[in-house]
Amino acid sequence: MRWSWHLFVVSYPQRDKLKCYLNSAEVSTLIHYPIAPHLSDAYAEELVTNWQINSYPITQTISSQILSLPIGPHLHKTEVQKVVKILLEVFKYDII
């Protein structure tokens, strides 16, 4: 069986600070879902007619905390180790 993962998503309460910290260490990150799905343009009509903006507080919290890390066969082992080392430092020493 082959796997085809394309996103490595983590959650961190201070996502934007973590993103800046990783970027300063030359680790590229992305925010694939910057807003909760129910607040996106795809649901604009339903939002106005049926949903309250704060109807899904957990979804809104999660969407403000998730960050995609680099993943894929193009990454060299040393690049993966670098990302892991940085994240371990962040979590262990609470440096953000």
PDB file of N, CA and C in Angstrom:
ATOM      1  N   MET A   1       0.840  -1.176   0.000  1.00  0.00           N
ATOM      2  CA  MET A   1       0.000   0.000   0.000  1.00  0.00           C
ATOM      3  C   MET A   1       0.887   1.243   0.000  1.00  0.00           C
ATOM      4  N   ARG A   2       0.514   2.239  -0.779  1.00  0.00           N
ATOM      5  CA  ARG A   2       1.260   3.493  -0.840  1.00  0.00           C
ATOM      6  C   ARG A   2       0.412   4.585  -0.217  1.00  0.00           C
ATOM      7  N   TRP A   3       1.074   5.468   0.479  1.00  0.00           N
ATOM      8  CA  TRP A   3       0.403   6.616   1.082  1.00  0.00           C
ATOM      9  C   TRP A   3       0.639   7.846   0.223  1.00  0.00           C
ATOM     10  N   SER A   4      -0.288   8.739   0.243  1.00  0.00           N
ATOM     11  CA  SER A   4      -0.118   9.971  -0.536  1.00  0.00           C
ATOM     12  C   SER A   4      -0.504  11.189   0.300  1.00  0.00           C
ATOM     13  N   TRP A   5       0.141  11.323   1.431  1.00  0.00           N
ATOM     14  CA  TRP A   5      -0.114  12.491   2.262  1.00  0.00           C
ATOM     15  C   TRP A   5       0.395  13.730   1.552  1.00  0.00           C
ATOM     16  N   HIS A   6      -0.358  14.800   1.659  1.00  0.00           N
ATOM     17  CA  HIS A   6       0.099  16.035   1.032  1.00  0.00           C
ATOM     18  C   HIS A   6       0.113  17.206   2.000  1.00  0.00           C
ATOM     19  N   LEU A   7      -0.431  17.022   3.194  1.00  0.00           N
ATOM     20  CA  LEU A   7      -0.396  18.072   4.211  1.00  0.00           C
ATOM     21  C   LEU A   7       0.048  17.475   5.541  1.00  0.00           C
ATOM     22  N   PHE A   8       0.856  18.233   6.274  1.00  0.00           N
ATOM     23  CA  PHE A   8       1.242  17.857   7.626  1.00  0.00           C
ATOM     24  C   PHE A   8       0.811  19.027   8.496  1.00  0.00           C
ATOM     25  N   VAL A   9      -0.376  18.906   9.063  1.00  0.00           N
ATOM     26  CA  VAL A   9      -0.998  20.011   9.782  1.00  0.00           C
ATOM     27  C   VAL A   9      -0.801  19.843  11.283  1.00  0.00           C
ATOM     28  N   VAL A  10      -0.349  20.920  11.921  1.00  0.00           N
ATOM     29  CA  VAL A  10      -0.231  20.953  13.378  1.00  0.00           C
ATOM     30  C   VAL A  10      -1.099  22.089  13.908  1.00  0.00           C
ATOM     31  N   SER A  11      -1.382  22.000  15.180  1.00  0.00           N
ATOM     32  CA  SER A  11      -2.177  23.043  15.827  1.00  0.00           C
ATOM     33  C   SER A  11      -1.355  23.650  16.952  1.00  0.00           C
ATOM     34  N   TYR A  12      -1.332  24.971  17.006  1.00  0.00           N
ATOM     35  CA  TYR A  12      -0.581  25.679  18.037  1.00  0.00           C
ATOM     36  C   TYR A  12      -1.333  26.959  18.371  1.00  0.00           C
ATOM     37  N   PRO A  13      -1.568  27.222  19.647  1.00  0.00           N
ATOM     38  CA  PRO A  13      -2.369  28.395  20.027  1.00  0.00           C
ATOM     39  C   PRO A  13      -1.845  29.725  19.489  1.00  0.00           C
ATOM     40  N   GLN A  14      -0.537  29.834  19.354  1.00  0.00           N
ATOM     41  CA  GLN A  14       0.067  31.064  18.820  1.00  0.00           C
ATOM     42  C   GLN A  14       0.611  30.785  17.421  1.00  0.00           C
ATOM     43  N   ARG A  15      -0.276  30.335  16.566  1.00  0.00           N
ATOM     44  CA  ARG A  15       0.086  29.904  15.218  1.00  0.00           C
ATOM     45  C   ARG A  15       0.891  30.939  14.451  1.00  0.00           C
ATOM     46  N   ASP A  16       0.463  32.187  14.481  1.00  0.00           N
ATOM     47  CA  ASP A  16       1.137  33.215  13.682  1.00  0.00           C
ATOM     48  C   ASP A  16       2.565  33.459  14.167  1.00  0.00           C
ATOM     49  N   LYS A  17       2.764  33.401  15.476  1.00  0.00           N
ATOM     50  CA  LYS A  17       4.124  33.544  16.016  1.00  0.00           C
ATOM     51  C   LYS A  17       4.987  32.344  15.636  1.00  0.00           C
ATOM     52  N   LEU A  18       4.392  31.153  15.681  1.00  0.00           N
ATOM     53  CA  LEU A  18       5.128  29.955  15.284  1.00  0.00           C
ATOM     54  C   LEU A  18       5.505  30.036  13.804  1.00  0.00           C
ATOM     55  N   LYS A  19       4.586  30.484  12.984  1.00  0.00           N
ATOM     56  CA  LYS A  19       4.861  30.642  11.549  1.00  0.00           C
ATOM     57  C   LYS A  19       6.033  31.594  11.333  1.00  0.00           C
ATOM     58  N   CYS A  20       6.036  32.728  12.013  1.00  0.00           N
ATOM     59  CA  CYS A  20       7.136  33.700  11.884  1.00  0.00           C
ATOM     60  C   CYS A  20       8.453  33.098  12.361  1.00  0.00           C
ATOM     61  N   TYR A  21       8.404  32.381  13.470  1.00  0.00           N
ATOM     62  CA  TYR A  21       9.614  31.769  14.019  1.00  0.00           C
ATOM     63  C   TYR A  21      10.188  30.746  13.039  1.00  0.00           C
ATOM     64  N   LEU A  22       9.335  29.906  12.492  1.00  0.00           N
ATOM     65  CA  LEU A  22       9.796  28.914  11.527  1.00  0.00           C
ATOM     66  C   LEU A  22      10.317  29.584  10.256  1.00  0.00           C
ATOM     67  N   ASN A  23       9.636  30.612   9.810  1.00  0.00           N
ATOM     68  CA  ASN A  23      10.103  31.332   8.619  1.00  0.00           C
ATOM     69  C   ASN A  23      11.472  31.954   8.854  1.00  0.00           C
ATOM     70  N   SER A  24      11.706  32.480  10.068  1.00  0.00           N
ATOM     71  CA  SER A  24      13.015  33.071  10.369  1.00  0.00           C
ATOM     72  C   SER A  24      14.118  32.003  10.373  1.00  0.00           C
ATOM     73  N   ALA A  25      13.723  30.754  10.597  1.00  0.00           N
ATOM     74  CA  ALA A  25      14.680  29.637  10.548  1.00  0.00           C
ATOM     75  C   ALA A  25      14.698  28.994   9.160  1.00  0.00           C
ATOM     76  N   GLU A  26      14.089  29.686   8.189  1.00  0.00           N
ATOM     77  CA  GLU A  26      14.031  29.224   6.803  1.00  0.00           C
ATOM     78  C   GLU A  26      13.285  27.911   6.640  1.00  0.00           C
ATOM     79  N   VAL A  27      12.203  27.760   7.417  1.00  0.00           N
ATOM     80  CA  VAL A  27      11.290  26.628   7.271  1.00  0.00           C
ATOM     81  C   VAL A  27       9.984  27.186   6.729  1.00  0.00           C
ATOM     82  N   SER A  28       9.654  26.793   5.519  1.00  0.00           N
ATOM     83  CA  SER A  28       8.436  27.287   4.885  1.00  0.00           C
ATOM     84  C   SER A  28       7.206  26.618   5.485  1.00  0.00           C
ATOM     85  N   THR A  29       6.177  27.408   5.700  1.00  0.00           N
ATOM     86  CA  THR A  29       4.906  26.895   6.204  1.00  0.00           C
ATOM     87  C   THR A  29       3.778  27.533   5.400  1.00  0.00           C
ATOM     88  N   LEU A  30       2.613  26.953   5.511  1.00  0.00           N
ATOM     89  CA  LEU A  30       1.435  27.500   4.847  1.00  0.00           C
ATOM     90  C   LEU A  30       0.234  27.419   5.778  1.00  0.00           C
ATOM     91  N   ILE A  31      -0.691  28.319   5.556  1.00  0.00           N
ATOM     92  CA  ILE A  31      -1.977  28.254   6.244  1.00  0.00           C
ATOM     93  C   ILE A  31      -2.996  27.933   5.159  1.00  0.00           C
ATOM     94  N   HIS A  32      -3.405  26.672   5.092  1.00  0.00           N
ATOM     95  CA  HIS A  32      -4.301  26.240   4.027  1.00  0.00           C
ATOM     96  C   HIS A  32      -5.748  26.676   4.259  1.00  0.00           C
ATOM     97  N   TYR A  33      -6.151  26.782   5.489  1.00  0.00           N
ATOM     98  CA  TYR A  33      -7.539  27.130   5.793  1.00  0.00           C
ATOM     99  C   TYR A  33      -7.541  28.294   6.776  1.00  0.00           C
ATOM    100  N   PRO A  34      -7.353  29.511   6.273  1.00  0.00           N
ATOM    101  CA  PRO A  34      -7.190  30.673   7.165  1.00  0.00           C
ATOM    102  C   PRO A  34      -8.459  31.095   7.908  1.00  0.00           C
ATOM    103  N   ILE A  35      -9.606  30.682   7.404  1.00  0.00           N
ATOM    104  CA  ILE A  35     -10.856  30.990   8.108  1.00  0.00           C
ATOM    105  C   ILE A  35     -11.686  29.721   8.209  1.00  0.00           C
ATOM    106  N   ALA A  36     -12.582  29.716   9.170  1.00  0.00           N
ATOM    107  CA  ALA A  36     -13.453  28.557   9.338  1.00  0.00           C
ATOM    108  C   ALA A  36     -14.294  28.364   8.076  1.00  0.00           C
ATOM    109  N   PRO A  37     -14.512  27.128   7.661  1.00  0.00           N
ATOM    110  CA  PRO A  37     -15.254  26.892   6.416  1.00  0.00           C
ATOM    111  C   PRO A  37     -16.615  27.585   6.365  1.00  0.00           C
ATOM    112  N   HIS A  38     -17.336  27.591   7.464  1.00  0.00           N
ATOM    113  CA  HIS A  38     -18.675  28.187   7.435  1.00  0.00           C
ATOM    114  C   HIS A  38     -18.649  29.706   7.262  1.00  0.00           C
ATOM    115  N   LEU A  39     -17.471  30.307   7.397  1.00  0.00           N
ATOM    116  CA  LEU A  39     -17.341  31.751   7.197  1.00  0.00           C
ATOM    117  C   LEU A  39     -16.767  32.098   5.825  1.00  0.00           C
ATOM    118  N   SER A  40     -16.480  31.078   5.029  1.00  0.00           N
ATOM    119  CA  SER A  40     -15.883  31.317   3.717  1.00  0.00           C
ATOM    120  C   SER A  40     -16.935  31.794   2.717  1.00  0.00           C
ATOM    121  N   ASP A  41     -16.451  32.328   1.615  1.00  0.00           N
ATOM    122  CA  ASP A  41     -17.344  32.811   0.558  1.00  0.00           C
ATOM    123  C   ASP A  41     -18.251  31.711   0.015  1.00  0.00           C
ATOM    124  N   ALA A  42     -17.779  30.468   0.060  1.00  0.00           N
ATOM    125  CA  ALA A  42     -18.584  29.362  -0.457  1.00  0.00           C
ATOM    126  C   ALA A  42     -19.918  29.233   0.280  1.00  0.00           C
ATOM    127  N   TYR A  43     -19.964  29.696   1.524  1.00  0.00           N
ATOM    128  CA  TYR A  43     -21.177  29.597   2.330  1.00  0.00           C
ATOM    129  C   TYR A  43     -21.776  30.960   2.652  1.00  0.00           C
ATOM    130  N   ALA A  44     -21.419  31.968   1.895  1.00  0.00           N
ATOM    131  CA  ALA A  44     -21.857  33.337   2.190  1.00  0.00           C
ATOM    132  C   ALA A  44     -23.375  33.448   2.264  1.00  0.00           C
ATOM    133  N   GLU A  45     -24.076  32.846   1.331  1.00  0.00           N
ATOM    134  CA  GLU A  45     -25.537  32.935   1.319  1.00  0.00           C
ATOM    135  C   GLU A  45     -26.144  32.254   2.545  1.00  0.00           C
ATOM    136  N   GLU A  46     -25.638  31.080   2.897  1.00  0.00           N
ATOM    137  CA  GLU A  46     -26.147  30.369   4.069  1.00  0.00           C
ATOM    138  C   GLU A  46     -25.842  31.130   5.354  1.00  0.00           C
ATOM    139  N   LEU A  47     -24.671  31.766   5.399  1.00  0.00           N
ATOM    140  CA  LEU A  47     -24.287  32.521   6.585  1.00  0.00           C
ATOM    141  C   LEU A  47     -25.290  33.633   6.857  1.00  0.00           C
ATOM    142  N   VAL A  48     -25.672  34.320   5.814  1.00  0.00           N
ATOM    143  CA  VAL A  48     -26.611  35.428   5.966  1.00  0.00           C
ATOM    144  C   VAL A  48     -27.993  34.923   6.355  1.00  0.00           C
ATOM    145  N   THR A  49     -28.415  33.816   5.754  1.00  0.00           N
ATOM    146  CA  THR A  49     -29.785  33.370   5.960  1.00  0.00           C
ATOM    147  C   THR A  49     -29.970  32.404   7.123  1.00  0.00           C
ATOM    148  N   ASN A  50     -28.984  31.563   7.395  1.00  0.00           N
ATOM    149  CA  ASN A  50     -29.201  30.483   8.359  1.00  0.00           C
ATOM    150  C   ASN A  50     -28.259  30.444   9.560  1.00  0.00           C
ATOM    151  N   TRP A  51     -27.014  30.825   9.384  1.00  0.00           N
ATOM    152  CA  TRP A  51     -26.018  30.601  10.419  1.00  0.00           C
ATOM    153  C   TRP A  51     -25.651  31.887  11.130  1.00  0.00           C
ATOM    154  N   GLN A  52     -25.394  31.754  12.381  1.00  0.00           N
ATOM    155  CA  GLN A  52     -24.824  32.858  13.137  1.00  0.00           C
ATOM    156  C   GLN A  52     -23.306  32.785  12.986  1.00  0.00           C
ATOM    157  N   ILE A  53     -22.656  33.911  13.020  1.00  0.00           N
ATOM    158  CA  ILE A  53     -21.199  33.930  12.835  1.00  0.00           C
ATOM    159  C   ILE A  53     -20.499  33.056  13.872  1.00  0.00           C
ATOM    160  N   ASN A  54     -20.980  33.017  15.087  1.00  0.00           N
ATOM    161  CA  ASN A  54     -20.329  32.234  16.138  1.00  0.00           C
ATOM    162  C   ASN A  54     -21.001  30.885  16.374  1.00  0.00           C
ATOM    163  N   SER A  55     -21.627  30.342  15.354  1.00  0.00           N
ATOM    164  CA  SER A  55     -22.317  29.058  15.494  1.00  0.00           C
ATOM    165  C   SER A  55     -21.374  27.882  15.725  1.00  0.00           C
ATOM    166  N   TYR A  56     -20.144  28.000  15.274  1.00  0.00           N
ATOM    167  CA  TYR A  56     -19.185  26.902  15.363  1.00  0.00           C
ATOM    168  C   TYR A  56     -17.889  27.397  16.003  1.00  0.00           C
ATOM    169  N   PRO A  57     -17.912  27.664  17.308  1.00  0.00           N
ATOM    170  CA  PRO A  57     -16.729  28.247  17.954  1.00  0.00           C
ATOM    171  C   PRO A  57     -15.506  27.326  17.936  1.00  0.00           C
ATOM    172  N   ILE A  58     -15.702  26.035  18.013  1.00  0.00           N
ATOM    173  CA  ILE A  58     -14.557  25.116  17.986  1.00  0.00           C
ATOM    174  C   ILE A  58     -13.893  25.156  16.612  1.00  0.00           C
ATOM    175  N   THR A  59     -14.693  25.157  15.567  1.00  0.00           N
ATOM    176  CA  THR A  59     -14.159  25.247  14.208  1.00  0.00           C
ATOM    177  C   THR A  59     -13.385  26.545  14.020  1.00  0.00           C
ATOM    178  N   GLN A  60     -13.926  27.632  14.533  1.00  0.00           N
ATOM    179  CA  GLN A  60     -13.244  28.919  14.397  1.00  0.00           C
ATOM    180  C   GLN A  60     -11.931  28.928  15.163  1.00  0.00           C
ATOM    181  N   THR A  61     -11.911  28.332  16.335  1.00  0.00           N
ATOM    182  CA  THR A  61     -10.669  28.254  17.113  1.00  0.00           C
ATOM    183  C   THR A  61      -9.630  27.417  16.370  1.00  0.00           C
ATOM    184  N   ILE A  62     -10.047  26.256  15.898  1.00  0.00           N
ATOM    185  CA  ILE A  62      -9.117  25.382  15.183  1.00  0.00           C
ATOM    186  C   ILE A  62      -8.556  26.080  13.951  1.00  0.00           C
ATOM    187  N   SER A  63      -9.402  26.756  13.199  1.00  0.00           N
ATOM    188  CA  SER A  63      -8.920  27.396  11.976  1.00  0.00           C
ATOM    189  C   SER A  63      -7.933  28.522  12.258  1.00  0.00           C
ATOM    190  N   SER A  64      -7.960  29.057  13.463  1.00  0.00           N
ATOM    191  CA  SER A  64      -7.003  30.112  13.818  1.00  0.00           C
ATOM    192  C   SER A  64      -5.683  29.551  14.355  1.00  0.00           C
ATOM    193  N   GLN A  65      -5.636  28.234  14.538  1.00  0.00           N
ATOM    194  CA  GLN A  65      -4.452  27.620  15.149  1.00  0.00           C
ATOM    195  C   GLN A  65      -3.694  26.655  14.244  1.00  0.00           C
ATOM    196  N   ILE A  66      -4.253  26.261  13.119  1.00  0.00           N
ATOM    197  CA  ILE A  66      -3.600  25.218  12.321  1.00  0.00           C
ATOM    198  C   ILE A  66      -2.587  25.790  11.329  1.00  0.00           C
ATOM    199  N   LEU A  67      -1.535  25.029  11.159  1.00  0.00           N
ATOM    200  CA  LEU A  67      -0.415  25.429  10.318  1.00  0.00           C
ATOM    201  C   LEU A  67       0.115  24.186   9.606  1.00  0.00           C
ATOM    202  N   SER A  68       0.372  24.311   8.322  1.00  0.00           N
ATOM    203  CA  SER A  68       0.902  23.185   7.550  1.00  0.00           C
ATOM    204  C   SER A  68       2.422  23.268   7.482  1.00  0.00           C
ATOM    205  N   LEU A  69       3.058  22.178   7.877  1.00  0.00           N
ATOM    206  CA  LEU A  69       4.517  22.061   7.844  1.00  0.00           C
ATOM    207  C   LEU A  69       4.948  21.405   6.539  1.00  0.00           C
ATOM    208  N   PRO A  70       6.213  21.544   6.191  1.00  0.00           N
ATOM    209  CA  PRO A  70       6.697  20.899   4.969  1.00  0.00           C
ATOM    210  C   PRO A  70       6.582  19.378   5.067  1.00  0.00           C
ATOM    211  N   ILE A  71       6.182  18.783   3.959  1.00  0.00           N
ATOM    212  CA  ILE A  71       6.089  17.323   3.882  1.00  0.00           C
ATOM    213  C   ILE A  71       6.274  16.912   2.428  1.00  0.00           C
ATOM    214  N   GLY A  72       6.853  15.758   2.221  1.00  0.00           N
ATOM    215  CA  GLY A  72       6.963  15.238   0.863  1.00  0.00           C
ATOM    216  C   GLY A  72       8.279  14.550   0.616  1.00  0.00           C
ATOM    217  N   PRO A  73       8.334  13.793  -0.471  1.00  0.00           N
ATOM    218  CA  PRO A  73       9.542  13.032  -0.790  1.00  0.00           C
ATOM    219  C   PRO A  73      10.711  13.915  -1.210  1.00  0.00           C
ATOM    220  N   HIS A  74      10.446  15.181  -1.497  1.00  0.00           N
ATOM    221  CA  HIS A  74      11.518  16.091  -1.914  1.00  0.00           C
ATOM    222  C   HIS A  74      12.380  16.544  -0.733  1.00  0.00           C
ATOM    223  N   LEU A  75      11.871  16.361   0.488  1.00  0.00           N
ATOM    224  CA  LEU A  75      12.622  16.797   1.671  1.00  0.00           C
ATOM    225  C   LEU A  75      13.764  15.838   1.971  1.00  0.00           C
ATOM    226  N   HIS A  76      14.900  16.400   2.229  1.00  0.00           N
ATOM    227  CA  HIS A  76      16.050  15.607   2.643  1.00  0.00           C
ATOM    228  C   HIS A  76      15.907  15.312   4.133  1.00  0.00           C
ATOM    229  N   LYS A  77      16.502  14.216   4.560  1.00  0.00           N
ATOM    230  CA  LYS A  77      16.423  13.808   5.960  1.00  0.00           C
ATOM    231  C   LYS A  77      16.880  14.935   6.898  1.00  0.00           C
ATOM    232  N   THR A  78      17.905  15.662   6.523  1.00  0.00           N
ATOM    233  CA  THR A  78      18.408  16.747   7.377  1.00  0.00           C
ATOM    234  C   THR A  78      17.380  17.876   7.496  1.00  0.00           C
ATOM    235  N   GLU A  79      16.600  18.100   6.444  1.00  0.00           N
ATOM    236  CA  GLU A  79      15.555  19.133   6.510  1.00  0.00           C
ATOM    237  C   GLU A  79      14.451  18.729   7.478  1.00  0.00           C
ATOM    238  N   VAL A  80      14.085  17.468   7.438  1.00  0.00           N
ATOM    239  CA  VAL A  80      13.069  16.957   8.368  1.00  0.00           C
ATOM    240  C   VAL A  80      13.585  17.071   9.796  1.00  0.00           C
ATOM    241  N   GLN A  81      14.822  16.682  10.015  1.00  0.00           N
ATOM    242  CA  GLN A  81      15.409  16.760  11.346  1.00  0.00           C
ATOM    243  C   GLN A  81      15.453  18.204  11.847  1.00  0.00           C
ATOM    244  N   LYS A  82      15.720  19.148  10.961  1.00  0.00           N
ATOM    245  CA  LYS A  82      15.749  20.558  11.334  1.00  0.00           C
ATOM    246  C   LYS A  82      14.381  21.016  11.834  1.00  0.00           C
ATOM    247  N   VAL A  83      13.333  20.663  11.105  1.00  0.00           N
ATOM    248  CA  VAL A  83      11.971  21.050  11.506  1.00  0.00           C
ATOM    249  C   VAL A  83      11.631  20.439  12.861  1.00  0.00           C
ATOM    250  N   VAL A  84      11.935  19.173  13.033  1.00  0.00           N
ATOM    251  CA  VAL A  84      11.644  18.487  14.302  1.00  0.00           C
ATOM    252  C   VAL A  84      12.405  19.145  15.442  1.00  0.00           C
ATOM    253  N   LYS A  85      13.673  19.435  15.239  1.00  0.00           N
ATOM    254  CA  LYS A  85      14.498  20.061  16.275  1.00  0.00           C
ATOM    255  C   LYS A  85      13.923  21.418  16.688  1.00  0.00           C
ATOM    256  N   ILE A  86      13.551  22.226  15.721  1.00  0.00           N
ATOM    257  CA  ILE A  86      12.991  23.544  16.024  1.00  0.00           C
ATOM    258  C   ILE A  86      11.686  23.414  16.806  1.00  0.00           C
ATOM    259  N   LEU A  87      10.816  22.520  16.356  1.00  0.00           N
ATOM    260  CA  LEU A  87       9.530  22.357  17.050  1.00  0.00           C
ATOM    261  C   LEU A  87       9.716  21.835  18.471  1.00  0.00           C
ATOM    262  N   LEU A  88      10.644  20.906  18.646  1.00  0.00           N
ATOM    263  CA  LEU A  88      10.911  20.405  20.000  1.00  0.00           C
ATOM    264  C   LEU A  88      11.406  21.530  20.910  1.00  0.00           C
ATOM    265  N   GLU A  89      12.243  22.397  20.387  1.00  0.00           N
ATOM    266  CA  GLU A  89      12.723  23.539  21.174  1.00  0.00           C
ATOM    267  C   GLU A  89      11.574  24.477  21.535  1.00  0.00           C
ATOM    268  N   VAL A  90      10.720  24.750  20.575  1.00  0.00           N
ATOM    269  CA  VAL A  90       9.570  25.631  20.814  1.00  0.00           C
ATOM    270  C   VAL A  90       8.693  25.056  21.924  1.00  0.00           C
ATOM    271  N   PHE A  91       8.363  23.789  21.803  1.00  0.00           N
ATOM    272  CA  PHE A  91       7.454  23.183  22.774  1.00  0.00           C
ATOM    273  C   PHE A  91       8.106  22.958  24.138  1.00  0.00           C
ATOM    274  N   LYS A  92       9.370  22.573  24.139  1.00  0.00           N
ATOM    275  CA  LYS A  92      10.043  22.278  25.405  1.00  0.00           C
ATOM    276  C   LYS A  92      10.344  23.548  26.205  1.00  0.00           C
ATOM    277  N   TYR A  93      10.815  24.566  25.507  1.00  0.00           N
ATOM    278  CA  TYR A  93      11.256  25.780  26.196  1.00  0.00           C
ATOM    279  C   TYR A  93      10.253  26.918  26.100  1.00  0.00           C
ATOM    280  N   ASP A  94       9.145  26.680  25.428  1.00  0.00           N
ATOM    281  CA  ASP A  94       8.101  27.695  25.286  1.00  0.00           C
ATOM    282  C   ASP A  94       8.704  29.028  24.857  1.00  0.00           C
ATOM    283  N   ILE A  95       9.477  28.999  23.773  1.00  0.00           N
ATOM    284  CA  ILE A  95      10.232  30.182  23.365  1.00  0.00           C
ATOM    285  C   ILE A  95       9.443  31.155  22.494  1.00  0.00           C
ATOM    286  N   ILE A  96       8.227  30.848  22.238  1.00  0.00           N
ATOM    287  CA  ILE A  96       7.424  31.781  21.436  1.00  0.00           C
ATOM    288  C   ILE A  96       6.461  32.508  22.350  1.00  0.00           C
TER     289      ILE A  96
END
